[in-house]
Amino acid sequence: MANTKSAIKNIRKNERRRLRNQVFRTRARTMVKKARLAIMAGRVEEAQEAIRQAYSALDKAAEKGVIHKNNAARRKARLMRFFNQTLRTP
């Protein structure tokens, strides 16, 4: 257990930050999952809208420092590659 005032305060701050970060991380994961499900179902218009929302959620998470900007870029690239391979292939 922490035994200094600063350590106790840091525990409180870390908990607040963890909860705030969890919101952005969960939202990004959910949006990516929805986009992948729409792509697998073959619904092009719905998939495009879901991808747009996933991009936004990933960018916000990266902007807040919840995930690294390269991590967000990698996830966006993989999502778009999956879309192009699945729905754009004639």
Protein backbone atom coordinates (compact mmCIF):
# COMPACT_ATOMS: atom_id res chain seq x y z
CA MET A 1 0.00 0.00 0.00
CA ALA A 2 1.18 3.50 -0.76
CA ASN A 3 2.51 5.32 2.27
CA THR A 4 3.07 8.87 1.08
CA LYS A 5 0.56 11.56 0.20
CA SER A 6 1.91 11.86 -3.33
CA ALA A 7 1.71 8.10 -3.90
CA ILE A 8 -1.88 8.03 -2.65
CA LYS A 9 -2.77 10.91 -4.94
CA ASN A 10 -1.09 9.17 -7.86
CA ILE A 11 -3.23 6.10 -7.22
CA ARG A 12 -6.36 8.25 -7.43
CA LYS A 13 -5.14 9.97 -10.60
CA ASN A 14 -4.22 6.67 -12.23
CA GLU A 15 -7.67 5.24 -11.54
CA ARG A 16 -9.39 8.28 -13.08
CA ARG A 17 -7.12 8.06 -16.13
CA ARG A 18 -7.68 4.30 -16.44
CA LEU A 19 -11.45 4.77 -16.51
CA ARG A 20 -11.23 7.61 -19.05
CA ASN A 21 -8.83 5.63 -21.26
CA GLN A 22 -11.09 2.58 -21.06
CA VAL A 23 -13.92 4.55 -22.70
CA PHE A 24 -11.85 5.46 -25.75
CA ARG A 25 -10.21 2.04 -26.05
CA THR A 26 -13.52 0.19 -25.81
CA ARG A 27 -15.23 2.50 -28.29
CA ALA A 28 -12.43 2.00 -30.82
CA ARG A 29 -12.53 -1.78 -30.47
CA THR A 30 -16.32 -1.84 -30.77
CA MET A 31 -16.32 0.29 -33.91
CA VAL A 32 -13.64 -1.84 -35.56
CA LYS A 33 -15.61 -4.97 -34.69
CA LYS A 34 -18.82 -3.52 -36.16
CA ALA A 35 -16.97 -2.59 -39.34
CA ARG A 36 -15.48 -6.08 -39.69
CA LEU A 37 -18.89 -7.69 -39.16
CA ALA A 38 -20.48 -5.45 -41.80
CA ILE A 39 -17.68 -6.28 -44.23
CA MET A 40 -18.05 -10.02 -43.63
CA ALA A 41 -21.81 -9.74 -44.15
CA GLY A 42 -21.16 -8.09 -47.53
CA ARG A 43 -23.10 -4.88 -46.82
CA VAL A 44 -21.00 -2.30 -48.66
CA GLU A 45 -22.77 0.94 -47.66
CA GLU A 46 -23.08 -0.10 -44.03
CA ALA A 47 -19.43 -1.23 -44.02
CA GLN A 48 -18.27 2.11 -45.40
CA GLU A 49 -20.14 4.01 -42.68
CA ALA A 50 -18.81 1.64 -40.00
CA ILE A 51 -15.26 2.11 -41.30
CA ARG A 52 -15.70 5.89 -41.12
CA GLN A 53 -16.81 5.59 -37.49
CA ALA A 54 -13.96 3.21 -36.69
CA TYR A 55 -11.44 5.63 -38.20
CA SER A 56 -12.87 8.43 -36.06
CA ALA A 57 -12.75 6.34 -32.87
CA LEU A 58 -9.18 5.21 -33.54
CA ASP A 59 -8.05 8.77 -34.28
CA LYS A 60 -9.64 10.05 -31.06
CA ALA A 61 -8.00 7.29 -29.03
CA ALA A 62 -4.63 8.14 -30.56
CA GLU A 63 -5.19 11.86 -30.02
CA LYS A 64 -5.92 11.27 -26.33
CA GLY A 65 -2.83 9.11 -25.96
CA VAL A 66 -4.81 5.96 -25.19
CA ILE A 67 -3.13 4.15 -28.07
CA HIS A 68 -0.05 5.14 -30.04
CA LYS A 69 -0.63 6.96 -33.33
CA ASN A 70 1.18 4.22 -35.24
CA ASN A 71 -1.04 1.63 -33.56
CA ALA A 72 -4.11 3.53 -34.78
CA ALA A 73 -2.63 3.83 -38.27
CA ARG A 74 -1.89 0.10 -38.38
CA ARG A 75 -5.42 -0.81 -37.30
CA LYS A 76 -6.93 1.52 -39.90
CA ALA A 77 -4.71 0.07 -42.63
CA ARG A 78 -5.64 -3.49 -41.72
CA LEU A 79 -9.33 -2.63 -41.64
CA MET A 80 -9.22 -0.99 -45.07
CA ARG A 81 -7.14 -3.83 -46.50
CA PHE A 82 -9.73 -6.32 -45.20
CA PHE A 83 -12.50 -4.23 -46.79
CA ASN A 84 -10.72 -4.05 -50.14
CA GLN A 85 -9.88 -7.76 -50.23
CA THR A 86 -13.37 -8.83 -49.19
CA LEU A 87 -15.77 -6.46 -50.95
CA ARG A 88 -13.80 -4.84 -53.75
CA THR A 89 -12.52 -8.05 -55.34
CA PRO A 90 -14.55 -8.82 -58.51
